[in-house]
Amino acid sequence: KKILLVTGQRSYEESGASKIIEELLGSYLTARYSPTANIPDLNDVEAGITVYKEVVPDLIVAVGGGSIIDLAKLIRVCSSHEADPVDVASGSAEVVTRGLPLVAIPTTAGSGSEATHFAVVYVDKKKYSVAHEYVMPDIAIVDPALTYSMSSRQTAICGLDALSQSMESIWSVNSSNGSMRSASEAIELVLSNLSLAVASPSPSSREAMSRAANLAGQSIDITKTTAPHALSYMLTVSHSIPHGHAVALTLGSFLEFNSAVSP
């Protein structure tokens, strides 16, 4: 059996994931692909597909933050289609096959990408989202210990992403009883634990933030995100503002607006 690892360039080692995973996969043939961009870019998707074709793996394992997991989702889907990746990304080519099994292992606590059926990709600085049930990872392994190496700044940025996703899910017109429950629990966890995880992290606060991120992912898997996320992508591409930070910049204004217009 052959396994393709899709990982961050530094987070794979810094999180401690490399030691754990390589011990577990010692008897398997593995190849590792790490992208060059900080956001999921079409060029990196195509480079990953090239590695995929060279390796011909039986399984894909994504280890990293939301961008890495999104990238692995896209490599998995695009590699199983004859259509050009740019056509899959833009939606002009339909997703019709699942592709290889995909295991997602987050090393951050924010995006919840391990729990969603869509993946973001940038084509010439324009953001697209590939959404289909076949994009969803088959297995998600959420180990809070892999987030211990996150800096205070990264912890805050990722936590704000989880908070934004949850709030946006609650006010979304697509919300359901299930998404409301997941989003509400995520908000409670973030508000109770984010400042602790930033200033004085402990295993319990890290675990709470990992759970919050996964719950936020589950909620937007049902509702998708709304205006704060829609506006954030331009801020990230044009001004290099990290995703969670970019989303949080407008969250307060939209929360105030929605509170005024909500019946």
Protein backbone atom coordinates (compact mmCIF):
# COMPACT_ATOMS: atom_id res chain seq x y z
CA LYS A 1 0.00 0.00 0.00
CA LYS A 2 1.16 3.53 -0.84
CA ILE A 3 0.17 6.70 0.96
CA LEU A 4 0.39 10.31 -0.17
CA LEU A 5 0.93 12.74 2.71
CA VAL A 6 -0.15 16.33 2.08
CA THR A 7 1.38 18.49 4.79
CA GLY A 8 2.51 21.96 5.70
CA GLN A 9 6.18 22.71 5.13
CA ARG A 10 6.93 23.36 8.81
CA SER A 11 3.82 22.48 10.81
CA TYR A 12 4.19 18.76 10.08
CA GLU A 13 7.35 18.60 12.18
CA GLU A 14 6.63 21.42 14.62
CA SER A 15 3.27 19.98 15.65
CA GLY A 16 4.80 16.61 16.43
CA ALA A 17 2.65 14.97 13.77
CA SER A 18 5.63 13.72 11.77
CA LYS A 19 6.97 11.55 14.59
CA ILE A 20 3.59 10.03 15.38
CA ILE A 21 2.48 9.44 11.79
CA GLU A 22 5.78 8.12 10.49
CA GLU A 23 5.90 5.57 13.30
CA LEU A 24 2.37 4.45 12.46
CA LEU A 25 3.07 4.31 8.73
CA GLY A 26 6.50 2.73 9.00
CA SER A 27 5.53 -0.37 7.04
CA TYR A 28 3.90 1.58 4.21
CA LEU A 29 5.44 3.34 1.23
CA THR A 30 4.82 7.05 1.69
CA ALA A 31 5.43 10.17 -0.36
CA ARG A 32 5.05 13.69 0.99
CA TYR A 33 3.85 16.80 -0.81
CA SER A 34 4.00 20.27 0.75
CA PRO A 35 2.73 23.34 -1.12
CA THR A 36 4.63 26.60 -1.48
CA ALA A 37 1.70 29.01 -1.04
CA ASN A 38 0.03 29.94 2.25
CA ILE A 39 -3.41 29.69 0.68
CA PRO A 40 -4.80 26.86 -1.49
CA ASP A 41 -3.73 27.93 -4.97
CA LEU A 42 -4.48 26.17 -8.25
CA ASN A 43 -0.75 25.92 -9.04
CA ASP A 44 -0.24 23.92 -5.86
CA VAL A 45 -3.23 21.73 -6.65
CA GLU A 46 -1.72 20.93 -10.06
CA ALA A 47 1.70 20.26 -8.51
CA GLY A 48 0.05 17.93 -6.02
CA ILE A 49 -1.73 16.09 -8.82
CA THR A 50 1.65 15.57 -10.52
CA VAL A 51 2.97 13.94 -7.33
CA TYR A 52 -0.21 11.90 -7.08
CA LYS A 53 0.28 10.53 -10.59
CA GLU A 54 3.91 9.68 -9.85
CA VAL A 55 3.09 7.88 -6.61
CA VAL A 56 -0.26 6.29 -7.56
CA PRO A 57 -1.29 6.09 -3.90
CA ASP A 58 -4.00 4.01 -2.26
CA LEU A 59 -4.75 6.62 0.39
CA ILE A 60 -4.29 10.37 0.94
CA VAL A 61 -3.58 11.74 4.40
CA ALA A 62 -3.77 15.50 4.98
CA VAL A 63 -1.93 16.86 8.02
CA GLY A 64 -2.09 20.59 8.62
CA GLY A 65 -4.36 23.60 8.85
CA GLY A 66 -7.42 24.40 6.79
CA SER A 67 -5.48 25.34 3.67
CA ILE A 68 -3.61 22.03 3.67
CA ILE A 69 -6.77 20.01 4.19
CA ASP A 70 -8.55 21.97 1.44
CA LEU A 71 -5.61 21.34 -0.86
CA ALA A 72 -5.72 17.60 -0.18
CA LYS A 73 -9.47 17.57 -0.85
CA LEU A 74 -8.85 19.21 -4.23
CA ILE A 75 -5.97 16.89 -5.14
CA ARG A 76 -8.17 13.90 -4.30
CA VAL A 77 -11.14 15.14 -6.35
CA CYS A 78 -9.22 16.53 -9.34
CA SER A 79 -7.00 13.45 -9.63
CA SER A 80 -10.05 11.25 -10.12
CA HIS A 81 -11.44 13.34 -13.00
CA GLU A 82 -10.30 13.75 -16.59
CA ALA A 83 -11.43 17.39 -16.57
CA ASP A 84 -8.81 20.10 -16.18
CA PRO A 85 -8.40 21.16 -12.52
CA VAL A 86 -9.26 24.76 -13.38
CA ASP A 87 -12.61 23.56 -14.72
CA VAL A 88 -13.31 21.61 -11.54
CA ALA A 89 -12.33 24.66 -9.49
CA SER A 90 -14.54 27.04 -11.45
CA GLY A 91 -17.49 24.69 -11.47
CA SER A 92 -17.60 24.29 -15.24
CA ALA A 93 -16.75 20.59 -14.78
CA GLU A 94 -19.00 18.51 -12.57
CA VAL A 95 -17.68 16.41 -9.69
CA VAL A 96 -18.87 12.88 -10.41
CA THR A 97 -16.48 10.48 -8.61
CA ARG A 98 -15.27 10.31 -5.02
CA GLY A 99 -11.64 9.48 -5.62
CA LEU A 100 -9.32 7.83 -3.12
CA PRO A 101 -10.05 7.67 0.61
CA LEU A 102 -8.95 10.85 2.40
CA VAL A 103 -7.96 11.15 6.06
CA ALA A 104 -7.83 14.69 7.48
CA ILE A 105 -5.75 15.45 10.58
CA PRO A 106 -5.86 19.15 11.62
CA THR A 107 -2.87 20.74 13.35
CA THR A 108 -4.75 24.01 14.00
CA ALA A 109 -8.02 24.78 15.77
CA GLY A 110 -10.02 27.07 13.54
CA SER A 111 -11.09 26.12 10.04
CA GLY A 112 -12.98 22.89 10.75
CA SER A 113 -12.13 21.85 7.18
CA GLU A 114 -11.99 18.22 8.28
CA ALA A 115 -15.77 18.42 8.77
CA THR A 116 -16.90 20.16 5.57
CA HIS A 117 -17.84 19.10 2.06
CA PHE A 118 -16.22 22.06 0.31
CA ALA A 119 -12.74 23.35 -0.40
CA VAL A 120 -11.47 26.84 -1.24
CA VAL A 121 -9.05 27.34 -4.12
CA TYR A 122 -7.61 30.50 -5.69
CA VAL A 123 -7.19 30.82 -9.45
CA ASP A 124 -5.27 33.94 -10.51
CA LYS A 125 -6.14 35.52 -7.13
CA LYS A 126 -9.84 34.82 -7.61
CA LYS A 127 -11.48 32.66 -4.97
CA TYR A 128 -13.58 29.62 -5.84
CA SER A 129 -15.23 27.02 -3.65
CA VAL A 130 -15.64 23.43 -4.80
CA ALA A 131 -18.65 21.98 -2.98
CA HIS A 132 -19.75 18.37 -3.24
CA GLU A 133 -20.31 15.42 -0.93
CA TYR A 134 -17.24 13.75 -2.50
CA VAL A 135 -15.06 16.62 -1.23
CA MET A 136 -15.72 15.65 2.40
CA PRO A 137 -12.87 13.68 4.04
CA ASP A 138 -13.74 10.08 4.76
CA ILE A 139 -12.11 10.15 8.19
CA ALA A 140 -11.17 13.02 10.49
CA ILE A 141 -8.73 12.59 13.36
CA VAL A 142 -8.82 15.56 15.74
CA ASP A 143 -5.99 15.38 18.26
CA PRO A 144 -5.70 18.61 20.31
CA ALA A 145 -2.07 17.74 21.15
CA LEU A 146 -1.15 18.55 17.55
CA THR A 147 -2.20 22.17 18.18
CA TYR A 148 0.11 22.69 21.17
CA SER A 149 2.85 24.21 19.01
CA MET A 150 0.61 27.00 17.70
CA SER A 151 1.81 30.48 18.59
CA SER A 152 -0.42 32.85 20.55
CA ARG A 153 -1.06 34.85 17.39
CA GLN A 154 -1.95 31.79 15.33
CA THR A 155 -4.17 30.51 18.14
CA ALA A 156 -6.06 33.81 18.22
CA ILE A 157 -6.45 34.01 14.44
CA CYS A 158 -7.69 30.43 14.13
CA GLY A 159 -10.01 30.84 17.10
CA LEU A 160 -11.57 33.91 15.55
CA ASP A 161 -12.23 31.91 12.40
CA ALA A 162 -14.12 29.29 14.41
CA LEU A 163 -16.07 32.03 16.19
CA SER A 164 -16.94 33.75 12.92
CA GLN A 165 -18.03 30.54 11.27
CA SER A 166 -20.32 29.72 14.17
CA MET A 167 -21.93 33.16 14.31
CA GLU A 168 -22.39 33.27 10.55
CA SER A 169 -23.96 29.82 10.65
CA ILE A 170 -26.48 30.90 13.27
CA TRP A 171 -27.75 33.88 11.29
CA SER A 172 -27.61 32.07 7.95
CA VAL A 173 -30.94 31.57 6.17
CA ASN A 174 -29.85 27.93 5.74
CA SER A 175 -29.60 27.26 9.47
CA SER A 176 -31.27 24.20 10.95
CA ASN A 177 -31.80 22.86 14.45
CA GLY A 178 -28.69 20.74 14.03
CA SER A 179 -26.47 23.55 12.79
CA MET A 180 -27.76 25.85 15.55
CA ARG A 181 -26.81 23.33 18.22
CA SER A 182 -23.31 22.81 16.82
CA ALA A 183 -22.71 26.53 16.29
CA SER A 184 -24.04 27.51 19.73
CA GLU A 185 -21.80 25.00 21.49
CA ALA A 186 -18.82 26.18 19.44
CA ILE A 187 -19.45 29.82 20.40
CA GLU A 188 -19.67 28.92 24.09
CA LEU A 189 -16.41 27.00 23.88
CA VAL A 190 -14.60 29.82 22.07
CA LEU A 191 -15.80 32.52 24.44
CA SER A 192 -14.81 30.43 27.46
CA ASN A 193 -11.45 29.20 26.22
CA LEU A 194 -9.89 31.33 23.48
CA SER A 195 -8.31 33.93 25.74
CA LEU A 196 -6.89 31.14 27.91
CA ALA A 197 -5.55 29.28 24.90
CA VAL A 198 -3.86 32.48 23.70
CA ALA A 199 -2.42 33.78 26.98
CA SER A 200 -1.89 30.64 29.04
CA PRO A 201 -2.63 27.51 27.02
CA SER A 202 -3.42 24.27 28.78
CA PRO A 203 -4.47 20.85 27.53
CA SER A 204 -8.07 21.60 28.48
CA SER A 205 -8.22 24.94 26.64
CA ARG A 206 -6.54 23.41 23.58
CA GLU A 207 -9.02 20.54 23.62
CA ALA A 208 -11.94 22.96 23.92
CA MET A 209 -10.73 25.01 20.95
CA SER A 210 -10.22 21.89 18.83
CA ARG A 211 -13.75 20.81 19.63
CA ALA A 212 -15.06 24.31 18.89
CA ALA A 213 -13.36 24.33 15.49
CA ASN A 214 -14.78 20.93 14.58
CA LEU A 215 -18.27 21.94 15.68
CA ALA A 216 -17.99 25.17 13.70
CA GLY A 217 -17.02 23.11 10.66
CA GLN A 218 -20.02 20.86 11.19
CA SER A 219 -22.34 23.87 11.38
CA ILE A 220 -21.11 25.58 8.20
CA ASP A 221 -21.15 22.22 6.43
CA ILE A 222 -24.93 22.62 6.70
CA THR A 223 -25.31 26.38 6.25
CA LYS A 224 -22.11 27.58 4.56
CA THR A 225 -20.69 30.96 5.60
CA THR A 226 -22.02 34.46 4.98
CA ALA A 227 -20.87 38.06 4.45
CA PRO A 228 -17.81 38.26 6.76
CA HIS A 229 -16.25 35.32 4.96
CA ALA A 230 -17.24 36.62 1.55
CA LEU A 231 -15.45 39.91 2.19
CA SER A 232 -12.44 38.31 3.84
CA TYR A 233 -11.01 36.68 0.73
CA MET A 234 -10.15 39.99 -0.92
CA LEU A 235 -8.41 41.12 2.27
CA THR A 236 -6.36 37.94 2.34
CA VAL A 237 -5.36 37.99 -1.33
CA SER A 238 -4.79 41.74 -1.71
CA HIS A 239 -3.35 42.57 1.71
CA SER A 240 -1.95 39.24 2.97
CA ILE A 241 -4.18 39.35 6.05
CA PRO A 242 -4.52 35.83 7.51
CA HIS A 243 -7.93 34.31 6.92
CA GLY A 244 -9.24 34.27 10.51
CA HIS A 245 -8.05 37.84 11.08
CA ALA A 246 -9.64 38.99 7.80
CA VAL A 247 -12.98 37.42 8.71
CA ALA A 248 -12.98 38.93 12.19
CA LEU A 249 -12.39 42.46 10.87
CA THR A 250 -16.01 42.75 9.70
CA LEU A 251 -17.70 40.29 12.06
CA GLY A 252 -18.63 42.94 14.66
CA SER A 253 -20.20 45.24 12.09
CA PHE A 254 -22.29 42.45 10.61
CA LEU A 255 -23.30 41.24 14.06
CA GLU A 256 -24.51 44.76 14.88
CA PHE A 257 -26.32 45.05 11.54
CA ASN A 258 -28.02 41.67 11.84
CA SER A 259 -29.10 42.35 15.42
CA ALA A 260 -30.88 45.48 14.20
CA VAL A 261 -32.71 43.85 11.31
CA SER A 262 -33.48 40.49 12.93
CA PRO A 263 -37.16 40.13 13.89
